[in-house]
């Protein structure tokens, strides 16, 4: 197992747990971008199309299910939970994220390892994950205040999905930039 992948998985898992704790404890999603959560749901659904066709390990399968399930659960809570949805800051969460989806999909069509359905969607998910935090950052900048749990969530989320750090480490360690094993 790749140590960078393990570190990324654990920090992303911590960010999800912090976010779920915030939503559960406060019954509020104030300060959280629904658009970022929807982007992460798209990222994981696109990346893990191979979930039921390629078995790599129990850890891999469990983490895929956890990331897909937690992303969809957060989106559901923010959209449909009768108490939580009232606290969603729709006026502040106005980032036009479909532009990101379109641009990243176009990149996935052009920059991929092989031109197959799974490879294009895998590449798309990598590019989309790199920018998925943007709606959250814009929402925080517009709101001007960040509670402690939201700040911790954003810190761990940003650390977990830091594409620049991953790219630098791959170049310094002379690893291939398209190392699928690091993202499975």
N, C-alpha and C. Protein backbone atom coordinates (compact mmCIF):
# COMPACT_ATOMS: atom_id res chain seq x y z
N UNK A 1 0.84 -1.19 0.00
CA UNK A 1 0.00 0.00 0.00
C UNK A 1 0.88 1.24 0.00
N UNK A 2 0.44 2.24 -0.71
CA UNK A 2 1.12 3.51 -0.84
C UNK A 2 0.87 4.35 0.42
N UNK A 3 1.95 4.80 1.06
CA UNK A 3 1.83 5.58 2.31
C UNK A 3 1.13 6.91 2.06
N UNK A 4 1.32 7.50 0.87
CA UNK A 4 0.66 8.76 0.56
C UNK A 4 -0.85 8.55 0.41
N UNK A 5 -1.22 7.42 -0.17
CA UNK A 5 -2.64 7.12 -0.30
C UNK A 5 -3.27 6.91 1.08
N UNK A 6 -2.58 6.17 1.93
CA UNK A 6 -3.09 5.94 3.28
C UNK A 6 -3.26 7.26 4.03
N UNK A 7 -2.26 8.13 3.93
CA UNK A 7 -2.35 9.44 4.59
C UNK A 7 -3.51 10.25 4.02
N UNK A 8 -3.67 10.24 2.70
CA UNK A 8 -4.78 10.95 2.06
C UNK A 8 -6.12 10.39 2.47
N UNK A 9 -6.23 9.05 2.49
CA UNK A 9 -7.48 8.41 2.90
C UNK A 9 -7.84 8.78 4.34
N UNK A 10 -6.86 8.73 5.22
CA UNK A 10 -7.13 8.99 6.63
C UNK A 10 -7.49 10.45 6.87
N UNK A 11 -6.81 11.38 6.21
CA UNK A 11 -7.17 12.79 6.41
C UNK A 11 -8.53 13.10 5.80
N UNK A 12 -8.85 12.46 4.67
CA UNK A 12 -10.20 12.67 4.10
C UNK A 12 -11.25 12.07 5.03
N UNK A 13 -10.96 10.90 5.57
CA UNK A 13 -11.88 10.26 6.51
C UNK A 13 -12.08 11.14 7.75
N UNK A 14 -11.00 11.72 8.26
CA UNK A 14 -11.11 12.63 9.41
C UNK A 14 -11.98 13.83 9.04
N UNK A 15 -11.78 14.38 7.84
CA UNK A 15 -12.58 15.55 7.44
C UNK A 15 -14.06 15.19 7.37
N UNK A 16 -14.37 14.01 6.86
CA UNK A 16 -15.77 13.57 6.78
C UNK A 16 -16.34 13.38 8.19
N UNK A 17 -15.57 12.76 9.07
CA UNK A 17 -16.04 12.55 10.45
C UNK A 17 -16.26 13.88 11.16
N UNK A 18 -15.36 14.84 10.97
CA UNK A 18 -15.53 16.17 11.57
C UNK A 18 -16.80 16.83 11.04
N UNK A 19 -17.03 16.72 9.73
CA UNK A 19 -18.24 17.32 9.14
C UNK A 19 -19.50 16.64 9.65
N UNK A 20 -19.50 15.31 9.69
CA UNK A 20 -20.67 14.60 10.21
C UNK A 20 -20.91 14.93 11.67
N UNK A 21 -19.83 15.06 12.47
CA UNK A 21 -19.96 15.45 13.87
C UNK A 21 -20.58 16.84 13.97
N UNK A 22 -20.12 17.77 13.14
CA UNK A 22 -20.67 19.13 13.16
C UNK A 22 -22.17 19.10 12.84
N UNK A 23 -22.54 18.39 11.79
CA UNK A 23 -23.95 18.34 11.39
C UNK A 23 -24.79 17.66 12.46
N UNK A 24 -24.29 16.55 13.01
CA UNK A 24 -25.04 15.82 14.03
C UNK A 24 -25.17 16.62 15.33
N UNK A 25 -24.07 17.20 15.78
CA UNK A 25 -24.07 17.91 17.07
C UNK A 25 -24.86 19.21 17.03
N UNK A 26 -24.78 19.92 15.92
CA UNK A 26 -25.43 21.23 15.85
C UNK A 26 -26.75 21.20 15.10
N UNK A 27 -27.04 20.08 14.43
CA UNK A 27 -28.23 19.97 13.57
C UNK A 27 -28.24 21.12 12.56
N UNK A 28 -27.05 21.46 12.09
CA UNK A 28 -26.89 22.59 11.18
C UNK A 28 -25.79 22.29 10.16
N UNK A 29 -25.98 22.84 8.97
CA UNK A 29 -24.93 22.76 7.94
C UNK A 29 -24.47 24.17 7.56
N UNK A 30 -24.72 25.11 8.45
CA UNK A 30 -24.30 26.49 8.21
C UNK A 30 -22.79 26.53 8.00
N UNK A 31 -22.36 27.26 6.99
CA UNK A 31 -20.94 27.38 6.70
C UNK A 31 -20.39 26.27 5.83
N UNK A 32 -21.23 25.32 5.43
CA UNK A 32 -20.81 24.20 4.59
C UNK A 32 -21.40 24.38 3.20
N UNK A 33 -20.57 24.19 2.19
CA UNK A 33 -21.02 24.32 0.81
C UNK A 33 -21.62 23.01 0.31
N UNK A 34 -22.91 23.05 0.01
CA UNK A 34 -23.56 21.89 -0.60
C UNK A 34 -22.92 21.57 -1.95
N UNK A 35 -22.51 22.59 -2.65
CA UNK A 35 -21.91 22.39 -3.97
C UNK A 35 -20.60 21.61 -3.87
N UNK A 36 -19.79 21.90 -2.86
CA UNK A 36 -18.57 21.11 -2.66
C UNK A 36 -18.93 19.67 -2.33
N UNK A 37 -19.94 19.47 -1.51
CA UNK A 37 -20.35 18.10 -1.16
C UNK A 37 -20.85 17.35 -2.39
N UNK A 38 -21.60 18.03 -3.24
CA UNK A 38 -22.07 17.39 -4.48
C UNK A 38 -20.91 17.07 -5.40
N UNK A 39 -19.93 17.96 -5.46
CA UNK A 39 -18.75 17.68 -6.29
C UNK A 39 -18.00 16.45 -5.78
N UNK A 40 -17.86 16.33 -4.46
CA UNK A 40 -17.19 15.14 -3.93
C UNK A 40 -18.00 13.87 -4.20
N UNK A 41 -19.31 13.95 -4.15
CA UNK A 41 -20.12 12.78 -4.50
C UNK A 41 -19.88 12.39 -5.96
N UNK A 42 -19.82 13.38 -6.84
CA UNK A 42 -19.53 13.11 -8.25
C UNK A 42 -18.13 12.52 -8.40
N UNK A 43 -17.15 13.08 -7.69
CA UNK A 43 -15.77 12.58 -7.74
C UNK A 43 -15.74 11.09 -7.41
N UNK A 44 -16.35 10.71 -6.29
CA UNK A 44 -16.24 9.32 -5.86
C UNK A 44 -17.08 8.38 -6.71
N UNK A 45 -18.24 8.82 -7.17
CA UNK A 45 -19.04 7.98 -8.06
C UNK A 45 -18.32 7.75 -9.39
N UNK A 46 -17.66 8.78 -9.91
CA UNK A 46 -16.93 8.64 -11.18
C UNK A 46 -15.66 7.81 -11.00
N UNK A 47 -14.96 8.02 -9.90
CA UNK A 47 -13.68 7.33 -9.69
C UNK A 47 -13.87 5.85 -9.41
N UNK A 48 -14.94 5.52 -8.72
CA UNK A 48 -15.09 4.14 -8.27
C UNK A 48 -16.09 3.35 -9.10
N UNK A 49 -16.14 3.63 -10.40
CA UNK A 49 -16.98 2.84 -11.31
C UNK A 49 -16.57 1.37 -11.31
N UNK A 50 -15.33 1.11 -10.95
CA UNK A 50 -14.80 -0.26 -10.95
C UNK A 50 -15.11 -1.01 -9.65
N UNK A 51 -15.91 -0.43 -8.79
CA UNK A 51 -16.16 -1.00 -7.47
C UNK A 51 -16.59 -2.46 -7.50
N UNK A 52 -17.48 -2.81 -8.41
CA UNK A 52 -17.99 -4.17 -8.43
C UNK A 52 -17.37 -5.03 -9.52
N UNK A 53 -16.41 -4.48 -10.26
CA UNK A 53 -15.78 -5.28 -11.31
C UNK A 53 -14.33 -5.64 -11.00
N UNK A 54 -13.63 -4.81 -10.24
CA UNK A 54 -12.22 -5.06 -9.92
C UNK A 54 -12.03 -5.09 -8.41
N UNK A 55 -11.69 -6.25 -7.87
CA UNK A 55 -11.42 -6.35 -6.43
C UNK A 55 -9.92 -6.24 -6.22
N UNK A 56 -9.50 -5.28 -5.40
CA UNK A 56 -8.08 -5.11 -5.11
C UNK A 56 -7.78 -5.59 -3.70
N UNK A 57 -8.56 -5.10 -2.74
CA UNK A 57 -8.39 -5.53 -1.35
C UNK A 57 -9.64 -5.15 -0.57
N UNK A 58 -9.79 -5.73 0.60
CA UNK A 58 -10.93 -5.39 1.46
C UNK A 58 -10.85 -3.93 1.88
N UNK A 59 -9.64 -3.47 2.24
CA UNK A 59 -9.44 -2.07 2.62
C UNK A 59 -9.92 -1.15 1.50
N UNK A 60 -9.49 -1.43 0.29
CA UNK A 60 -9.84 -0.62 -0.88
C UNK A 60 -11.35 -0.56 -1.09
N UNK A 61 -11.99 -1.70 -1.03
CA UNK A 61 -13.44 -1.77 -1.23
C UNK A 61 -14.19 -1.02 -0.13
N UNK A 62 -13.78 -1.23 1.11
CA UNK A 62 -14.43 -0.55 2.24
C UNK A 62 -14.27 0.96 2.14
N UNK A 63 -13.07 1.43 1.82
CA UNK A 63 -12.85 2.87 1.72
C UNK A 63 -13.68 3.48 0.58
N UNK A 64 -13.78 2.77 -0.55
CA UNK A 64 -14.61 3.26 -1.65
C UNK A 64 -16.06 3.40 -1.20
N UNK A 65 -16.57 2.38 -0.52
CA UNK A 65 -17.95 2.43 -0.05
C UNK A 65 -18.16 3.52 0.99
N UNK A 66 -17.18 3.70 1.88
CA UNK A 66 -17.27 4.75 2.90
C UNK A 66 -17.30 6.13 2.25
N UNK A 67 -16.41 6.37 1.28
CA UNK A 67 -16.36 7.68 0.65
C UNK A 67 -17.62 7.96 -0.17
N UNK A 68 -18.11 6.98 -0.91
CA UNK A 68 -19.35 7.17 -1.66
C UNK A 68 -20.52 7.37 -0.71
N UNK A 69 -20.65 6.49 0.27
CA UNK A 69 -21.77 6.55 1.21
C UNK A 69 -21.79 7.82 2.03
N UNK A 70 -20.63 8.23 2.54
CA UNK A 70 -20.60 9.45 3.36
C UNK A 70 -20.89 10.69 2.52
N UNK A 71 -20.38 10.73 1.30
CA UNK A 71 -20.66 11.88 0.43
C UNK A 71 -22.14 11.99 0.12
N UNK A 72 -22.75 10.87 -0.23
CA UNK A 72 -24.19 10.88 -0.53
C UNK A 72 -25.02 11.19 0.72
N UNK A 73 -24.59 10.70 1.88
CA UNK A 73 -25.32 10.97 3.13
C UNK A 73 -25.27 12.46 3.49
N UNK A 74 -24.11 13.07 3.30
CA UNK A 74 -23.98 14.50 3.60
C UNK A 74 -24.85 15.32 2.66
N UNK A 75 -24.81 14.98 1.37
CA UNK A 75 -25.66 15.69 0.40
C UNK A 75 -27.13 15.51 0.76
N UNK A 76 -27.52 14.29 1.12
CA UNK A 76 -28.91 14.04 1.49
C UNK A 76 -29.31 14.88 2.70
N UNK A 77 -28.46 14.89 3.73
CA UNK A 77 -28.77 15.68 4.94
C UNK A 77 -28.95 17.15 4.59
N UNK A 78 -28.05 17.68 3.79
CA UNK A 78 -28.10 19.11 3.47
C UNK A 78 -29.30 19.46 2.59
N UNK A 79 -29.73 18.53 1.77
CA UNK A 79 -30.86 18.80 0.87
C UNK A 79 -32.22 18.45 1.47
N UNK A 80 -32.28 17.34 2.24
CA UNK A 80 -33.59 16.78 2.60
C UNK A 80 -33.89 16.64 4.09
N UNK A 81 -32.89 16.63 4.97
CA UNK A 81 -33.17 16.51 6.40
C UNK A 81 -33.96 17.72 6.84
N UNK A 82 -35.10 17.49 7.47
CA UNK A 82 -36.04 18.59 7.73
C UNK A 82 -35.46 19.69 8.62
N UNK A 83 -34.54 19.38 9.51
CA UNK A 83 -33.95 20.41 10.37
C UNK A 83 -32.67 20.97 9.75
N UNK A 84 -31.79 20.10 9.30
CA UNK A 84 -30.48 20.52 8.79
C UNK A 84 -30.62 21.41 7.55
N UNK A 85 -31.51 21.06 6.65
CA UNK A 85 -31.60 21.81 5.39
C UNK A 85 -31.99 23.27 5.59
N UNK A 86 -32.65 23.60 6.69
CA UNK A 86 -33.04 24.99 6.95
C UNK A 86 -31.84 25.89 7.22
N UNK A 87 -30.72 25.30 7.63
CA UNK A 87 -29.55 26.10 7.96
C UNK A 87 -28.59 26.28 6.79
N UNK A 88 -28.92 25.71 5.64
CA UNK A 88 -28.06 25.82 4.46
C UNK A 88 -28.04 27.26 3.94
N UNK A 89 -26.85 27.80 3.71
CA UNK A 89 -26.67 29.19 3.27
C UNK A 89 -26.72 29.29 1.74
N UNK A 90 -27.89 29.16 1.19
CA UNK A 90 -28.07 29.16 -0.28
C UNK A 90 -27.57 30.47 -0.91
N UNK A 91 -27.78 31.60 -0.23
CA UNK A 91 -27.37 32.90 -0.78
C UNK A 91 -25.85 33.03 -0.87
N UNK A 92 -25.13 32.35 0.00
CA UNK A 92 -23.67 32.43 0.00
C UNK A 92 -23.02 31.35 -0.87
N UNK A 93 -23.73 30.28 -1.13
CA UNK A 93 -23.18 29.14 -1.88
C UNK A 93 -23.62 29.24 -3.34
N UNK A 94 -23.05 30.23 -4.03
CA UNK A 94 -23.49 30.52 -5.40
C UNK A 94 -22.45 30.20 -6.46
N UNK A 95 -21.41 29.51 -6.10
CA UNK A 95 -20.36 29.15 -7.06
C UNK A 95 -20.95 28.33 -8.20
N UNK A 96 -20.64 28.68 -9.42
CA UNK A 96 -21.17 27.96 -10.59
C UNK A 96 -20.30 26.73 -10.86
N UNK A 97 -20.57 25.71 -10.11
CA UNK A 97 -19.69 24.54 -10.14
C UNK A 97 -19.85 23.67 -11.36
N UNK A 98 -20.90 23.84 -12.12
CA UNK A 98 -21.05 23.03 -13.35
C UNK A 98 -19.99 23.41 -14.37
N UNK A 99 -19.45 24.61 -14.27
CA UNK A 99 -18.32 25.00 -15.13
C UNK A 99 -17.12 24.11 -14.80
N UNK A 100 -16.88 23.88 -13.52
CA UNK A 100 -15.79 22.99 -13.11
C UNK A 100 -16.02 21.57 -13.61
N UNK A 101 -17.25 21.09 -13.49
CA UNK A 101 -17.56 19.73 -13.93
C UNK A 101 -17.30 19.60 -15.43
N UNK A 102 -17.77 20.56 -16.21
CA UNK A 102 -17.57 20.51 -17.66
C UNK A 102 -16.10 20.59 -18.05
N UNK A 103 -15.38 21.52 -17.43
CA UNK A 103 -13.95 21.67 -17.75
C UNK A 103 -13.16 20.43 -17.36
N UNK A 104 -13.45 19.87 -16.19
CA UNK A 104 -12.73 18.67 -15.75
C UNK A 104 -13.08 17.46 -16.60
N UNK A 105 -14.33 17.37 -17.05
CA UNK A 105 -14.69 16.26 -17.93
C UNK A 105 -13.97 16.40 -19.27
N UNK A 106 -13.88 17.63 -19.78
CA UNK A 106 -13.15 17.85 -21.03
C UNK A 106 -11.68 17.46 -20.85
N UNK A 107 -11.09 17.82 -19.72
CA UNK A 107 -9.71 17.40 -19.44
C UNK A 107 -9.59 15.88 -19.39
N UNK A 108 -10.57 15.24 -18.75
CA UNK A 108 -10.56 13.78 -18.68
C UNK A 108 -10.64 13.13 -20.05
N UNK A 109 -11.37 13.76 -20.96
CA UNK A 109 -11.46 13.23 -22.33
C UNK A 109 -10.14 13.36 -23.08
N UNK A 110 -9.38 14.41 -22.74
CA UNK A 110 -8.13 14.69 -23.46
C UNK A 110 -6.92 14.08 -22.76
N UNK A 111 -6.86 14.20 -21.44
CA UNK A 111 -5.70 13.74 -20.67
C UNK A 111 -6.06 12.52 -19.84
N UNK A 112 -5.73 11.36 -20.34
CA UNK A 112 -6.02 10.10 -19.68
C UNK A 112 -4.98 9.08 -20.11
N UNK A 113 -4.93 7.96 -19.43
CA UNK A 113 -3.95 6.93 -19.77
C UNK A 113 -4.39 6.13 -20.99
N UNK A 114 -5.63 5.69 -21.00
CA UNK A 114 -6.21 4.95 -22.13
C UNK A 114 -7.60 5.52 -22.38
N UNK A 115 -8.03 5.46 -23.63
CA UNK A 115 -9.36 6.00 -23.94
C UNK A 115 -10.41 4.91 -23.75
N UNK A 116 -10.73 4.66 -22.48
CA UNK A 116 -11.80 3.74 -22.13
C UNK A 116 -12.75 4.48 -21.20
N UNK A 117 -13.95 3.96 -21.07
CA UNK A 117 -14.98 4.58 -20.24
C UNK A 117 -14.45 4.80 -18.82
N UNK A 118 -13.92 3.75 -18.20
CA UNK A 118 -13.45 3.87 -16.81
C UNK A 118 -12.26 4.80 -16.69
N UNK A 119 -11.34 4.76 -17.63
CA UNK A 119 -10.15 5.63 -17.56
C UNK A 119 -10.51 7.10 -17.71
N UNK A 120 -11.42 7.41 -18.62
CA UNK A 120 -11.84 8.80 -18.81
C UNK A 120 -12.51 9.31 -17.54
N UNK A 121 -13.40 8.52 -16.96
CA UNK A 121 -14.08 8.94 -15.73
C UNK A 121 -13.12 8.98 -14.54
N UNK A 122 -12.14 8.10 -14.52
CA UNK A 122 -11.14 8.13 -13.45
C UNK A 122 -10.33 9.42 -13.54
N UNK A 123 -9.84 9.76 -14.76
CA UNK A 123 -9.08 10.99 -14.94
C UNK A 123 -9.94 12.21 -14.59
N UNK A 124 -11.19 12.21 -15.05
CA UNK A 124 -12.14 13.29 -14.72
C UNK A 124 -12.24 13.46 -13.21
N UNK A 125 -12.34 12.36 -12.47
CA UNK A 125 -12.49 12.45 -11.02
C UNK A 125 -11.25 13.04 -10.35
N UNK A 126 -10.08 12.73 -10.87
CA UNK A 126 -8.83 13.28 -10.31
C UNK A 126 -8.81 14.80 -10.51
N UNK A 127 -9.15 15.24 -11.72
CA UNK A 127 -9.15 16.68 -11.99
C UNK A 127 -10.23 17.39 -11.18
N UNK A 128 -11.40 16.78 -11.07
CA UNK A 128 -12.49 17.42 -10.32
C UNK A 128 -12.17 17.49 -8.83
N UNK A 129 -11.53 16.46 -8.30
CA UNK A 129 -11.18 16.50 -6.88
C UNK A 129 -10.23 17.65 -6.57
N UNK A 130 -9.35 17.98 -7.52
CA UNK A 130 -8.39 19.05 -7.31
C UNK A 130 -9.06 20.41 -7.12
N UNK A 131 -10.27 20.58 -7.67
CA UNK A 131 -10.96 21.88 -7.59
C UNK A 131 -12.26 21.82 -6.79
N UNK A 132 -12.61 20.66 -6.27
CA UNK A 132 -13.90 20.50 -5.58
C UNK A 132 -14.04 21.37 -4.34
N UNK A 133 -12.94 21.77 -3.75
CA UNK A 133 -13.00 22.58 -2.53
C UNK A 133 -13.28 24.06 -2.83
N UNK A 134 -13.18 24.47 -4.08
CA UNK A 134 -13.37 25.90 -4.42
C UNK A 134 -14.71 26.47 -3.96
N UNK A 135 -15.85 25.81 -4.18
CA UNK A 135 -17.11 26.40 -3.68
C UNK A 135 -17.10 26.60 -2.16
N UNK A 136 -16.46 25.68 -1.43
CA UNK A 136 -16.37 25.81 0.03
C UNK A 136 -15.54 27.03 0.40
N UNK A 137 -14.42 27.22 -0.27
CA UNK A 137 -13.56 28.36 0.03
C UNK A 137 -14.26 29.68 -0.29
N UNK A 138 -14.99 29.72 -1.39
CA UNK A 138 -15.74 30.94 -1.75
C UNK A 138 -16.83 31.21 -0.72
N UNK A 139 -17.54 30.18 -0.30
CA UNK A 139 -18.58 30.36 0.72
C UNK A 139 -17.98 30.90 2.02
N UNK A 140 -16.85 30.35 2.45
CA UNK A 140 -16.22 30.83 3.68
C UNK A 140 -15.76 32.28 3.54
N UNK A 141 -15.23 32.62 2.38
CA UNK A 141 -14.78 33.99 2.15
C UNK A 141 -15.96 34.96 2.18
N UNK A 142 -17.09 34.55 1.61
CA UNK A 142 -18.28 35.41 1.59
C UNK A 142 -18.90 35.55 2.97
N UNK A 143 -18.89 34.48 3.75
CA UNK A 143 -19.55 34.53 5.06
C UNK A 143 -18.72 35.31 6.07
N UNK A 144 -17.41 35.26 5.94
CA UNK A 144 -16.56 36.03 6.83
C UNK A 144 -16.34 35.43 8.20
N UNK A 145 -17.07 34.37 8.56
CA UNK A 145 -16.84 33.74 9.86
C UNK A 145 -16.79 32.22 9.68
N UNK A 146 -15.89 31.62 10.43
CA UNK A 146 -15.70 30.17 10.34
C UNK A 146 -15.72 29.61 11.75
N UNK A 147 -16.66 28.69 12.01
CA UNK A 147 -16.65 28.06 13.33
C UNK A 147 -15.53 27.02 13.37
N UNK A 148 -15.20 26.57 14.56
CA UNK A 148 -14.06 25.68 14.77
C UNK A 148 -14.17 24.39 13.97
N UNK A 149 -15.32 23.71 14.02
CA UNK A 149 -15.46 22.44 13.32
C UNK A 149 -15.41 22.62 11.81
N UNK A 150 -15.97 23.70 11.29
CA UNK A 150 -15.91 23.95 9.86
C UNK A 150 -14.46 24.21 9.44
N UNK A 151 -13.74 24.95 10.23
CA UNK A 151 -12.32 25.20 9.95
C UNK A 151 -11.51 23.93 9.93
N UNK A 152 -11.75 23.05 10.91
CA UNK A 152 -11.04 21.77 10.95
C UNK A 152 -11.40 20.92 9.74
N UNK A 153 -12.68 20.90 9.38
CA UNK A 153 -13.13 20.14 8.22
C UNK A 153 -12.40 20.61 6.96
N UNK A 154 -12.36 21.91 6.73
CA UNK A 154 -11.72 22.46 5.54
C UNK A 154 -10.22 22.17 5.55
N UNK A 155 -9.58 22.28 6.71
CA UNK A 155 -8.15 21.98 6.80
C UNK A 155 -7.88 20.54 6.38
N UNK A 156 -8.59 19.58 6.97
CA UNK A 156 -8.34 18.18 6.65
C UNK A 156 -8.74 17.85 5.21
N UNK A 157 -9.79 18.46 4.73
CA UNK A 157 -10.22 18.22 3.35
C UNK A 157 -9.18 18.76 2.37
N UNK A 158 -8.69 19.95 2.64
CA UNK A 158 -7.66 20.54 1.78
C UNK A 158 -6.38 19.73 1.79
N UNK A 159 -6.00 19.25 2.96
CA UNK A 159 -4.79 18.43 3.07
C UNK A 159 -4.96 17.11 2.33
N UNK A 160 -6.12 16.50 2.48
CA UNK A 160 -6.35 15.18 1.87
C UNK A 160 -6.35 15.24 0.36
N UNK A 161 -6.80 16.34 -0.19
CA UNK A 161 -6.93 16.40 -1.64
C UNK A 161 -5.93 17.36 -2.27
N UNK A 162 -4.81 17.54 -1.62
CA UNK A 162 -3.81 18.47 -2.13
C UNK A 162 -3.11 17.91 -3.36
N UNK A 163 -3.57 18.28 -4.56
CA UNK A 163 -2.96 17.74 -5.77
C UNK A 163 -1.54 18.25 -5.98
N UNK A 164 -1.28 19.47 -5.56
CA UNK A 164 0.07 20.01 -5.72
C UNK A 164 1.09 19.23 -4.93
N UNK A 165 0.77 18.93 -3.67
CA UNK A 165 1.66 18.15 -2.83
C UNK A 165 1.90 16.77 -3.43
N UNK A 166 0.85 16.14 -3.88
CA UNK A 166 0.97 14.81 -4.48
C UNK A 166 1.85 14.85 -5.73
N UNK A 167 1.64 15.85 -6.57
CA UNK A 167 2.43 15.98 -7.80
C UNK A 167 3.90 16.20 -7.48
N UNK A 168 4.19 17.08 -6.53
CA UNK A 168 5.57 17.35 -6.14
C UNK A 168 6.23 16.09 -5.59
N UNK A 169 5.52 15.37 -4.73
CA UNK A 169 6.09 14.14 -4.17
C UNK A 169 6.34 13.10 -5.25
N UNK A 170 5.42 12.98 -6.20
CA UNK A 170 5.62 12.03 -7.30
C UNK A 170 6.84 12.40 -8.14
N UNK A 171 7.02 13.70 -8.40
CA UNK A 171 8.17 14.13 -9.19
C UNK A 171 9.48 13.95 -8.42
N UNK A 172 9.49 14.32 -7.14
CA UNK A 172 10.70 14.19 -6.32
C UNK A 172 11.11 12.72 -6.15
N UNK A 173 10.13 11.84 -6.01
CA UNK A 173 10.42 10.42 -5.79
C UNK A 173 10.47 9.65 -7.10
N UNK A 174 10.38 10.37 -8.23
CA UNK A 174 10.44 9.76 -9.56
C UNK A 174 9.38 8.69 -9.75
N UNK A 175 8.16 8.99 -9.32
CA UNK A 175 7.02 8.09 -9.49
C UNK A 175 6.20 8.56 -10.68
N UNK A 176 5.47 7.67 -11.32
CA UNK A 176 4.63 8.11 -12.43
C UNK A 176 3.51 9.03 -11.93
N UNK A 177 3.21 10.08 -12.71
CA UNK A 177 2.16 11.01 -12.30
C UNK A 177 0.79 10.36 -12.34
N UNK A 178 0.56 9.43 -13.25
CA UNK A 178 -0.72 8.73 -13.33
C UNK A 178 -0.60 7.38 -12.64
N UNK A 179 -0.31 7.40 -11.35
CA UNK A 179 -0.18 6.17 -10.56
C UNK A 179 -1.57 5.79 -10.06
N UNK A 180 -2.25 4.93 -10.81
CA UNK A 180 -3.62 4.55 -10.46
C UNK A 180 -3.69 3.93 -9.08
N UNK A 181 -2.68 3.18 -8.69
CA UNK A 181 -2.72 2.51 -7.39
C UNK A 181 -2.83 3.52 -6.25
N UNK A 182 -2.32 4.71 -6.46
CA UNK A 182 -2.38 5.73 -5.42
C UNK A 182 -3.79 6.28 -5.24
N UNK A 183 -4.66 6.04 -6.21
CA UNK A 183 -6.01 6.61 -6.15
C UNK A 183 -7.10 5.57 -6.12
N UNK A 184 -6.77 4.30 -6.05
CA UNK A 184 -7.80 3.26 -6.08
C UNK A 184 -8.54 3.26 -4.81
